[in-house]
Amino acid sequence: MIRPLFRKATPEDAAEIAALVVKTIQESCAQAYSNNKRVIGLWCADKTPANLADTIGQKGNYTVVAIIDGHIMGVGLLHRYGEIALCYVHPYYQGRGLGKGLLEDMERKARALKIKTLLLKSSLNAVSFYQLHGYVNDGPREMFLGEIYFQPMRKALTVRLRLGQPSSRIFGENV
């Protein structure tokens, strides 16, 4: 069983995150886009270490990484206004719980920020993953950069109760 460590990313992680995101797009997403090299190239063009370091360092962004054996194998990015901008898992680790862990971590952070609804633009290959985790389509597919289709999705967050130690209060007691 894989036991990843989830932690907040730092700008120093940007090069490893950039390599992960590009690899994932090229190996896991390309087929859903007919292996169109132009589309994949456009998609990967801004996934540079410099751009990602800047994004990670921006106030209000929350970036989480999944670490396995000392290496980043997953990344998620939540903007303070409730958009999940990144959720990528290394192709080898897809289907093993890392994506679910990243989503749960970002949803926990969103709840802490009092965000009521999360939005994202799913790649065509990941729509079923998000649906499995409670996201629903939020309108028709949209085009990005004139050639890349994404599916807008959303999820209403519910308040999660934490079960803790029982209260020392007695039922019916006036306090």
N, C-alpha and C. Protein backbone atom coordinates (compact mmCIF):
# COMPACT_ATOMS: atom_id res chain seq x y z
N MET A 1 0.83 -1.18 0.00
CA MET A 1 0.00 0.00 0.00
C MET A 1 0.88 1.25 0.00
N ILE A 2 0.52 2.20 -0.81
CA ILE A 2 1.26 3.44 -0.92
C ILE A 2 0.80 4.39 0.17
N ARG A 3 1.76 4.99 0.86
CA ARG A 3 1.44 5.95 1.91
C ARG A 3 2.16 7.26 1.60
N PRO A 4 1.54 8.09 0.78
CA PRO A 4 2.19 9.36 0.44
C PRO A 4 2.14 10.34 1.61
N LEU A 5 3.09 11.23 1.61
CA LEU A 5 3.10 12.35 2.54
C LEU A 5 2.54 13.54 1.77
N PHE A 6 1.54 14.21 2.32
CA PHE A 6 0.99 15.41 1.70
C PHE A 6 1.51 16.60 2.50
N ARG A 7 2.05 17.59 1.78
CA ARG A 7 2.54 18.79 2.45
C ARG A 7 2.34 19.99 1.54
N LYS A 8 2.40 21.17 2.15
CA LYS A 8 2.29 22.40 1.39
C LYS A 8 3.55 22.56 0.54
N ALA A 9 3.36 22.93 -0.72
CA ALA A 9 4.49 23.13 -1.62
C ALA A 9 5.17 24.45 -1.33
N THR A 10 6.42 24.54 -1.75
CA THR A 10 7.18 25.79 -1.66
C THR A 10 7.67 26.13 -3.06
N PRO A 11 8.05 27.38 -3.30
CA PRO A 11 8.59 27.74 -4.61
C PRO A 11 9.81 26.88 -5.01
N GLU A 12 10.54 26.37 -4.04
CA GLU A 12 11.69 25.51 -4.33
C GLU A 12 11.28 24.19 -4.98
N ASP A 13 10.00 23.82 -4.87
CA ASP A 13 9.50 22.59 -5.48
C ASP A 13 9.15 22.77 -6.96
N ALA A 14 9.20 23.99 -7.46
CA ALA A 14 8.65 24.31 -8.77
C ALA A 14 9.22 23.48 -9.92
N ALA A 15 10.52 23.25 -9.94
CA ALA A 15 11.11 22.49 -11.05
C ALA A 15 10.57 21.06 -11.08
N GLU A 16 10.49 20.45 -9.92
CA GLU A 16 9.98 19.07 -9.86
C GLU A 16 8.49 19.03 -10.19
N ILE A 17 7.74 20.04 -9.75
CA ILE A 17 6.32 20.11 -10.08
C ILE A 17 6.13 20.31 -11.58
N ALA A 18 6.91 21.21 -12.18
CA ALA A 18 6.80 21.46 -13.62
C ALA A 18 7.05 20.18 -14.41
N ALA A 19 8.08 19.44 -14.06
CA ALA A 19 8.39 18.20 -14.76
C ALA A 19 7.25 17.19 -14.61
N LEU A 20 6.69 17.10 -13.41
CA LEU A 20 5.56 16.20 -13.16
C LEU A 20 4.35 16.58 -14.00
N VAL A 21 4.00 17.85 -14.01
CA VAL A 21 2.81 18.30 -14.74
C VAL A 21 2.98 18.05 -16.23
N VAL A 22 4.12 18.39 -16.79
CA VAL A 22 4.35 18.18 -18.23
C VAL A 22 4.31 16.69 -18.57
N LYS A 23 4.95 15.87 -17.75
CA LYS A 23 4.95 14.41 -17.99
C LYS A 23 3.52 13.88 -17.96
N THR A 24 2.73 14.33 -16.99
CA THR A 24 1.36 13.85 -16.85
C THR A 24 0.51 14.28 -18.04
N ILE A 25 0.65 15.51 -18.48
CA ILE A 25 -0.09 15.97 -19.65
C ILE A 25 0.29 15.13 -20.87
N GLN A 26 1.58 14.95 -21.08
CA GLN A 26 2.06 14.23 -22.26
C GLN A 26 1.67 12.76 -22.25
N GLU A 27 1.68 12.12 -21.07
CA GLU A 27 1.45 10.68 -21.01
C GLU A 27 0.01 10.30 -20.67
N SER A 28 -0.68 11.11 -19.89
CA SER A 28 -2.01 10.72 -19.43
C SER A 28 -3.14 11.48 -20.11
N CYS A 29 -2.87 12.67 -20.57
CA CYS A 29 -3.93 13.51 -21.13
C CYS A 29 -3.95 13.49 -22.65
N ALA A 30 -2.82 13.25 -23.26
CA ALA A 30 -2.68 13.40 -24.72
C ALA A 30 -3.69 12.57 -25.50
N GLN A 31 -3.95 11.35 -25.08
CA GLN A 31 -4.86 10.48 -25.82
C GLN A 31 -6.27 11.07 -25.91
N ALA A 32 -6.73 11.72 -24.86
CA ALA A 32 -8.06 12.33 -24.86
C ALA A 32 -8.13 13.50 -25.84
N TYR A 33 -6.97 13.98 -26.28
CA TYR A 33 -6.88 15.10 -27.23
C TYR A 33 -6.27 14.62 -28.55
N SER A 34 -6.52 13.36 -28.88
CA SER A 34 -6.08 12.74 -30.14
C SER A 34 -4.57 12.86 -30.36
N ASN A 35 -3.81 12.89 -29.28
CA ASN A 35 -2.35 13.01 -29.35
C ASN A 35 -1.90 14.18 -30.22
N ASN A 36 -2.70 15.24 -30.24
CA ASN A 36 -2.41 16.43 -31.04
C ASN A 36 -1.23 17.17 -30.42
N LYS A 37 -0.08 17.10 -31.08
CA LYS A 37 1.14 17.69 -30.54
C LYS A 37 1.01 19.20 -30.34
N ARG A 38 0.27 19.87 -31.21
CA ARG A 38 0.09 21.32 -31.05
C ARG A 38 -0.70 21.62 -29.77
N VAL A 39 -1.79 20.88 -29.55
CA VAL A 39 -2.60 21.08 -28.35
C VAL A 39 -1.78 20.80 -27.10
N ILE A 40 -1.07 19.69 -27.09
CA ILE A 40 -0.26 19.32 -25.92
C ILE A 40 0.85 20.36 -25.70
N GLY A 41 1.45 20.83 -26.77
CA GLY A 41 2.48 21.86 -26.66
C GLY A 41 1.95 23.16 -26.07
N LEU A 42 0.77 23.60 -26.55
CA LEU A 42 0.15 24.81 -26.00
C LEU A 42 -0.15 24.64 -24.51
N TRP A 43 -0.67 23.47 -24.16
CA TRP A 43 -1.04 23.17 -22.78
C TRP A 43 0.17 23.22 -21.86
N CYS A 44 1.30 22.69 -22.34
CA CYS A 44 2.50 22.60 -21.50
C CYS A 44 3.33 23.87 -21.50
N ALA A 45 3.09 24.78 -22.44
CA ALA A 45 3.98 25.92 -22.65
C ALA A 45 4.21 26.78 -21.40
N ASP A 46 3.20 26.98 -20.59
CA ASP A 46 3.38 27.85 -19.42
C ASP A 46 3.71 27.06 -18.14
N LYS A 47 3.90 25.77 -18.26
CA LYS A 47 4.20 24.95 -17.09
C LYS A 47 5.71 24.91 -16.84
N THR A 48 6.28 26.09 -16.66
CA THR A 48 7.72 26.21 -16.44
C THR A 48 8.02 26.34 -14.95
N PRO A 49 9.23 26.00 -14.55
CA PRO A 49 9.59 26.19 -13.14
C PRO A 49 9.40 27.64 -12.67
N ALA A 50 9.75 28.60 -13.51
CA ALA A 50 9.62 30.01 -13.11
C ALA A 50 8.16 30.39 -12.91
N ASN A 51 7.29 30.00 -13.83
CA ASN A 51 5.86 30.31 -13.69
C ASN A 51 5.26 29.63 -12.47
N LEU A 52 5.61 28.38 -12.27
CA LEU A 52 5.05 27.65 -11.13
C LEU A 52 5.59 28.18 -9.80
N ALA A 53 6.86 28.56 -9.75
CA ALA A 53 7.41 29.15 -8.52
C ALA A 53 6.66 30.42 -8.17
N ASP A 54 6.37 31.24 -9.19
CA ASP A 54 5.63 32.48 -8.97
C ASP A 54 4.22 32.17 -8.46
N THR A 55 3.55 31.21 -9.09
CA THR A 55 2.19 30.84 -8.70
C THR A 55 2.14 30.30 -7.28
N ILE A 56 3.07 29.41 -6.97
CA ILE A 56 3.12 28.83 -5.62
C ILE A 56 3.34 29.91 -4.58
N GLY A 57 4.17 30.89 -4.91
CA GLY A 57 4.50 31.94 -3.97
C GLY A 57 3.46 33.04 -3.83
N GLN A 58 2.46 33.07 -4.70
CA GLN A 58 1.45 34.12 -4.63
C GLN A 58 0.58 33.97 -3.39
N LYS A 59 0.37 35.10 -2.73
CA LYS A 59 -0.47 35.11 -1.54
C LYS A 59 -1.88 34.68 -1.94
N GLY A 60 -2.46 33.83 -1.16
CA GLY A 60 -3.81 33.37 -1.43
C GLY A 60 -3.88 32.06 -2.19
N ASN A 61 -2.78 31.65 -2.80
CA ASN A 61 -2.77 30.35 -3.46
C ASN A 61 -2.33 29.29 -2.45
N TYR A 62 -2.94 28.13 -2.55
CA TYR A 62 -2.56 27.01 -1.69
C TYR A 62 -2.17 25.86 -2.61
N THR A 63 -0.92 25.44 -2.51
CA THR A 63 -0.41 24.34 -3.34
C THR A 63 0.01 23.21 -2.43
N VAL A 64 -0.50 22.02 -2.73
CA VAL A 64 -0.18 20.83 -1.95
C VAL A 64 0.52 19.84 -2.87
N VAL A 65 1.49 19.11 -2.33
CA VAL A 65 2.17 18.07 -3.09
C VAL A 65 2.04 16.74 -2.36
N ALA A 66 2.07 15.67 -3.14
CA ALA A 66 2.09 14.30 -2.60
C ALA A 66 3.50 13.76 -2.83
N ILE A 67 4.13 13.35 -1.75
CA ILE A 67 5.51 12.88 -1.79
C ILE A 67 5.54 11.37 -1.57
N ILE A 68 6.26 10.68 -2.46
CA ILE A 68 6.50 9.25 -2.30
C ILE A 68 8.00 9.02 -2.49
N ASP A 69 8.60 8.36 -1.55
CA ASP A 69 10.05 8.08 -1.59
C ASP A 69 10.87 9.33 -1.87
N GLY A 70 10.47 10.44 -1.29
CA GLY A 70 11.22 11.68 -1.41
C GLY A 70 11.00 12.47 -2.68
N HIS A 71 10.07 12.01 -3.53
CA HIS A 71 9.83 12.69 -4.81
C HIS A 71 8.37 13.13 -4.91
N ILE A 72 8.14 14.25 -5.57
CA ILE A 72 6.79 14.76 -5.78
C ILE A 72 6.12 13.93 -6.87
N MET A 73 5.02 13.29 -6.50
CA MET A 73 4.27 12.44 -7.44
C MET A 73 2.86 12.95 -7.68
N GLY A 74 2.50 14.05 -7.03
CA GLY A 74 1.19 14.66 -7.26
C GLY A 74 1.22 16.10 -6.80
N VAL A 75 0.36 16.93 -7.43
CA VAL A 75 0.28 18.34 -7.06
C VAL A 75 -1.14 18.83 -7.24
N GLY A 76 -1.56 19.69 -6.32
CA GLY A 76 -2.86 20.34 -6.42
C GLY A 76 -2.70 21.81 -6.08
N LEU A 77 -3.43 22.68 -6.78
CA LEU A 77 -3.37 24.12 -6.54
C LEU A 77 -4.77 24.67 -6.41
N LEU A 78 -5.03 25.31 -5.28
CA LEU A 78 -6.31 25.95 -4.99
C LEU A 78 -6.11 27.45 -4.91
N HIS A 79 -6.89 28.20 -5.71
CA HIS A 79 -6.88 29.66 -5.61
C HIS A 79 -7.83 30.07 -4.49
N ARG A 80 -7.53 31.16 -3.83
CA ARG A 80 -8.32 31.63 -2.67
C ARG A 80 -9.77 31.90 -3.00
N TYR A 81 -10.11 32.11 -4.27
CA TYR A 81 -11.50 32.38 -4.64
C TYR A 81 -12.26 31.10 -5.00
N GLY A 82 -11.64 29.94 -4.79
CA GLY A 82 -12.36 28.68 -4.92
C GLY A 82 -12.18 27.93 -6.21
N GLU A 83 -11.13 28.21 -6.95
CA GLU A 83 -10.87 27.45 -8.17
C GLU A 83 -9.69 26.50 -7.96
N ILE A 84 -9.91 25.25 -8.32
CA ILE A 84 -8.81 24.29 -8.35
C ILE A 84 -8.16 24.44 -9.72
N ALA A 85 -6.92 24.93 -9.72
CA ALA A 85 -6.23 25.23 -10.98
C ALA A 85 -5.33 24.09 -11.44
N LEU A 86 -4.87 23.28 -10.51
CA LEU A 86 -4.03 22.12 -10.85
C LEU A 86 -4.44 20.94 -9.99
N CYS A 87 -4.44 19.77 -10.61
CA CYS A 87 -4.56 18.51 -9.88
C CYS A 87 -3.98 17.44 -10.80
N TYR A 88 -2.71 17.17 -10.62
CA TYR A 88 -1.99 16.23 -11.48
C TYR A 88 -1.32 15.16 -10.63
N VAL A 89 -1.37 13.93 -11.13
CA VAL A 89 -0.72 12.81 -10.47
C VAL A 89 0.15 12.10 -11.50
N HIS A 90 1.36 11.75 -11.10
CA HIS A 90 2.27 11.01 -11.98
C HIS A 90 1.54 9.82 -12.58
N PRO A 91 1.73 9.57 -13.87
CA PRO A 91 1.00 8.47 -14.53
C PRO A 91 1.10 7.12 -13.80
N TYR A 92 2.26 6.80 -13.25
CA TYR A 92 2.44 5.52 -12.57
C TYR A 92 1.55 5.40 -11.33
N TYR A 93 1.27 6.52 -10.68
CA TYR A 93 0.52 6.50 -9.42
C TYR A 93 -0.97 6.82 -9.58
N GLN A 94 -1.43 7.02 -10.80
CA GLN A 94 -2.85 7.28 -11.00
C GLN A 94 -3.67 6.05 -10.62
N GLY A 95 -4.82 6.29 -10.01
CA GLY A 95 -5.69 5.20 -9.57
C GLY A 95 -5.28 4.58 -8.26
N ARG A 96 -4.35 5.21 -7.54
CA ARG A 96 -3.85 4.66 -6.28
C ARG A 96 -4.13 5.55 -5.08
N GLY A 97 -5.01 6.53 -5.25
CA GLY A 97 -5.43 7.35 -4.12
C GLY A 97 -4.76 8.70 -3.97
N LEU A 98 -3.74 8.99 -4.78
CA LEU A 98 -3.07 10.28 -4.64
C LEU A 98 -3.98 11.43 -5.06
N GLY A 99 -4.68 11.28 -6.17
CA GLY A 99 -5.59 12.33 -6.62
C GLY A 99 -6.68 12.59 -5.60
N LYS A 100 -7.22 11.52 -5.04
CA LYS A 100 -8.24 11.66 -4.00
C LYS A 100 -7.67 12.40 -2.80
N GLY A 101 -6.46 12.06 -2.40
CA GLY A 101 -5.81 12.73 -1.28
C GLY A 101 -5.58 14.21 -1.55
N LEU A 102 -5.15 14.54 -2.77
CA LEU A 102 -4.95 15.94 -3.13
C LEU A 102 -6.27 16.71 -3.07
N LEU A 103 -7.32 16.11 -3.66
CA LEU A 103 -8.64 16.77 -3.63
C LEU A 103 -9.12 16.97 -2.19
N GLU A 104 -9.00 15.95 -1.37
CA GLU A 104 -9.45 16.06 0.02
C GLU A 104 -8.69 17.16 0.75
N ASP A 105 -7.39 17.27 0.49
CA ASP A 105 -6.60 18.29 1.15
C ASP A 105 -7.04 19.69 0.70
N MET A 106 -7.25 19.86 -0.61
CA MET A 106 -7.69 21.17 -1.11
C MET A 106 -9.10 21.50 -0.63
N GLU A 107 -9.97 20.50 -0.54
CA GLU A 107 -11.33 20.74 -0.04
C GLU A 107 -11.30 21.13 1.43
N ARG A 108 -10.43 20.51 2.20
CA ARG A 108 -10.27 20.86 3.62
C ARG A 108 -9.81 22.32 3.75
N LYS A 109 -8.85 22.70 2.92
CA LYS A 109 -8.36 24.09 2.95
C LYS A 109 -9.47 25.05 2.53
N ALA A 110 -10.24 24.68 1.50
CA ALA A 110 -11.34 25.54 1.03
C ALA A 110 -12.37 25.74 2.15
N ARG A 111 -12.70 24.68 2.87
CA ARG A 111 -13.64 24.81 3.98
C ARG A 111 -13.09 25.76 5.04
N ALA A 112 -11.80 25.64 5.32
CA ALA A 112 -11.18 26.53 6.32
C ALA A 112 -11.24 27.98 5.86
N LEU A 113 -11.23 28.20 4.55
CA LEU A 113 -11.31 29.55 3.99
C LEU A 113 -12.76 30.00 3.80
N LYS A 114 -13.70 29.15 4.24
CA LYS A 114 -15.14 29.44 4.13
C LYS A 114 -15.63 29.50 2.68
N ILE A 115 -14.95 28.77 1.80
CA ILE A 115 -15.38 28.67 0.41
C ILE A 115 -16.52 27.66 0.36
N LYS A 116 -17.61 28.04 -0.25
CA LYS A 116 -18.79 27.17 -0.29
C LYS A 116 -18.87 26.29 -1.53
N THR A 117 -18.28 26.75 -2.64
CA THR A 117 -18.31 25.98 -3.89
C THR A 117 -16.95 26.01 -4.54
N LEU A 118 -16.47 24.85 -4.95
CA LEU A 118 -15.22 24.76 -5.69
C LEU A 118 -15.52 24.66 -7.18
N LEU A 119 -14.71 25.32 -7.97
CA LEU A 119 -14.82 25.28 -9.42
C LEU A 119 -13.52 24.75 -9.99
N LEU A 120 -13.61 24.13 -11.16
CA LEU A 120 -12.41 23.68 -11.87
C LEU A 120 -12.75 23.49 -13.33
N LYS A 121 -11.70 23.39 -14.13
CA LYS A 121 -11.84 23.07 -15.55
C LYS A 121 -11.09 21.76 -15.75
N SER A 122 -11.84 20.70 -15.95
CA SER A 122 -11.26 19.37 -16.06
C SER A 122 -10.79 19.09 -17.47
N SER A 123 -9.63 18.44 -17.57
CA SER A 123 -9.24 17.89 -18.86
C SER A 123 -10.25 16.80 -19.19
N LEU A 124 -10.40 16.51 -20.47
CA LEU A 124 -11.43 15.55 -20.88
C LEU A 124 -11.19 14.16 -20.28
N ASN A 125 -9.95 13.79 -20.08
CA ASN A 125 -9.64 12.47 -19.52
C ASN A 125 -9.91 12.37 -18.03
N ALA A 126 -10.10 13.49 -17.33
CA ALA A 126 -10.26 13.45 -15.88
C ALA A 126 -11.68 13.69 -15.41
N VAL A 127 -12.62 13.90 -16.32
CA VAL A 127 -14.00 14.21 -15.93
C VAL A 127 -14.57 13.12 -15.02
N SER A 128 -14.39 11.86 -15.37
CA SER A 128 -14.96 10.77 -14.56
C SER A 128 -14.32 10.72 -13.17
N PHE A 129 -13.05 11.05 -13.06
CA PHE A 129 -12.39 11.11 -11.75
C PHE A 129 -13.08 12.14 -10.86
N TYR A 130 -13.29 13.33 -11.39
CA TYR A 130 -13.94 14.38 -10.59
C TYR A 130 -15.38 14.01 -10.26
N GLN A 131 -16.09 13.41 -11.20
CA GLN A 131 -17.47 13.00 -10.93
C GLN A 131 -17.51 11.98 -9.80
N LEU A 132 -16.56 11.08 -9.78
CA LEU A 132 -16.47 10.08 -8.71
C LEU A 132 -16.33 10.74 -7.34
N HIS A 133 -15.76 11.94 -7.32
CA HIS A 133 -15.53 12.65 -6.06
C HIS A 133 -16.51 13.80 -5.83
N GLY A 134 -17.67 13.71 -6.48
CA GLY A 134 -18.76 14.63 -6.18
C GLY A 134 -18.84 15.89 -7.02
N TYR A 135 -18.00 16.04 -8.01
CA TYR A 135 -18.06 17.22 -8.88
C TYR A 135 -19.06 16.95 -10.00
N VAL A 136 -19.73 18.01 -10.43
CA VAL A 136 -20.72 17.89 -11.50
C VAL A 136 -20.37 18.89 -12.61
N ASN A 137 -20.81 18.55 -13.82
CA ASN A 137 -20.58 19.45 -14.94
C ASN A 137 -21.25 20.78 -14.67
N ASP A 138 -20.59 21.85 -15.06
CA ASP A 138 -21.09 23.20 -14.82
C ASP A 138 -21.17 23.94 -16.16
N GLY A 139 -21.94 23.37 -17.08
CA GLY A 139 -22.09 23.97 -18.40
C GLY A 139 -21.39 23.17 -19.47
N PRO A 140 -21.47 23.66 -20.71
CA PRO A 140 -20.85 22.94 -21.83
C PRO A 140 -19.33 23.06 -21.79
N ARG A 141 -18.67 22.22 -22.56
CA ARG A 141 -17.22 22.30 -22.67
C ARG A 141 -16.81 23.68 -23.13
N GLU A 142 -15.64 24.10 -22.67
CA GLU A 142 -15.10 25.40 -23.06
C GLU A 142 -13.77 25.19 -23.76
N MET A 143 -13.43 26.13 -24.62
CA MET A 143 -12.17 26.05 -25.34
C MET A 143 -11.18 27.03 -24.72
N PHE A 144 -9.95 26.59 -24.59
CA PHE A 144 -8.88 27.38 -24.03
C PHE A 144 -7.79 27.50 -25.09
N LEU A 145 -7.22 28.65 -25.25
CA LEU A 145 -6.17 28.90 -26.25
C LEU A 145 -6.60 28.51 -27.66
N GLY A 146 -7.90 28.54 -27.89
CA GLY A 146 -8.41 28.28 -29.22
C GLY A 146 -8.41 26.83 -29.67
N GLU A 147 -7.87 25.92 -28.85
CA GLU A 147 -7.77 24.53 -29.31
C GLU A 147 -7.96 23.48 -28.23
N ILE A 148 -7.90 23.85 -26.98
CA ILE A 148 -7.91 22.86 -25.90
C ILE A 148 -9.27 22.89 -25.21
N TYR A 149 -9.99 21.79 -25.29
CA TYR A 149 -11.30 21.71 -24.63
C TYR A 149 -11.15 21.23 -23.20
N PHE A 150 -11.91 21.89 -22.31
CA PHE A 150 -11.99 21.50 -20.91
C PHE A 150 -13.45 21.48 -20.51
N GLN A 151 -13.76 20.71 -19.48
CA GLN A 151 -15.12 20.64 -18.96
C GLN A 151 -15.21 21.42 -17.66
N PRO A 152 -15.97 22.53 -17.62
CA PRO A 152 -16.16 23.22 -16.34
C PRO A 152 -16.93 22.32 -15.37
N MET A 153 -16.48 22.30 -14.12
CA MET A 153 -17.12 21.47 -13.11
C MET A 153 -17.18 22.26 -11.80
N ARG A 154 -18.06 21.81 -10.90
CA ARG A 154 -18.19 22.45 -9.60
C ARG A 154 -18.58 21.41 -8.56
N LYS A 155 -18.35 21.79 -7.31
CA LYS A 155 -18.77 20.96 -6.19
C LYS A 155 -19.14 21.87 -5.03
N ALA A 156 -20.34 21.69 -4.52
CA ALA A 156 -20.76 22.42 -3.33
C ALA A 156 -20.15 21.70 -2.13
N LEU A 157 -19.46 22.46 -1.32
CA LEU A 157 -18.83 21.87 -0.13
C LEU A 157 -19.82 21.88 1.02
N THR A 158 -19.84 20.80 1.74
CA THR A 158 -20.67 20.70 2.93
C THR A 158 -19.78 20.82 4.15
N VAL A 159 -20.35 21.22 5.23
CA VAL A 159 -19.60 21.31 6.47
C VAL A 159 -19.37 19.90 6.97
N ARG A 160 -18.15 19.62 7.33
CA ARG A 160 -17.82 18.31 7.88
C ARG A 160 -17.67 18.44 9.37
N LEU A 161 -18.39 17.60 10.07
CA LEU A 161 -18.28 17.61 11.53
C LEU A 161 -17.08 16.79 11.95
N ARG A 162 -16.36 17.30 12.90
CA ARG A 162 -15.23 16.55 13.45
C ARG A 162 -15.71 15.86 14.71
N LEU A 163 -15.44 14.60 14.77
CA LEU A 163 -15.79 13.87 15.98
C LEU A 163 -14.61 13.95 16.92
N GLY A 164 -14.85 14.46 18.07
CA GLY A 164 -13.79 14.61 19.04
C GLY A 164 -14.17 13.93 20.34
N GLN A 165 -13.55 14.35 21.38
CA GLN A 165 -13.87 13.80 22.68
C GLN A 165 -15.29 14.19 23.05
N PRO A 166 -16.02 13.31 23.67
CA PRO A 166 -17.38 13.64 24.09
C PRO A 166 -17.37 14.82 25.05
N SER A 167 -18.40 15.60 24.96
CA SER A 167 -18.53 16.75 25.85
C SER A 167 -18.76 16.25 27.27
N SER A 168 -18.25 17.03 28.22
CA SER A 168 -18.47 16.66 29.61
C SER A 168 -19.84 17.12 30.09
N ARG A 169 -20.52 17.86 29.20
CA ARG A 169 -21.85 18.33 29.57
C ARG A 169 -22.85 17.18 29.56
N ILE A 170 -23.79 17.26 30.44
CA ILE A 170 -24.85 16.27 30.53
C ILE A 170 -26.02 16.76 29.73
N PHE A 171 -26.62 15.87 28.95
CA PHE A 171 -27.76 16.25 28.13
C PHE A 171 -28.84 16.87 29.00
N GLY A 172 -29.35 18.01 28.53
CA GLY A 172 -30.43 18.68 29.25
C GLY A 172 -29.94 19.63 30.33
N GLU A 173 -28.66 19.63 30.60
CA GLU A 173 -28.13 20.49 31.65
C GLU A 173 -28.08 21.93 31.11
N ASN A 174 -28.49 22.87 31.90
CA ASN A 174 -28.41 24.27 31.52
C ASN A 174 -27.03 24.79 31.88
N VAL A 175 -26.43 25.42 30.90
CA VAL A 175 -25.08 25.97 31.12
C VAL A 175 -25.12 27.45 31.00
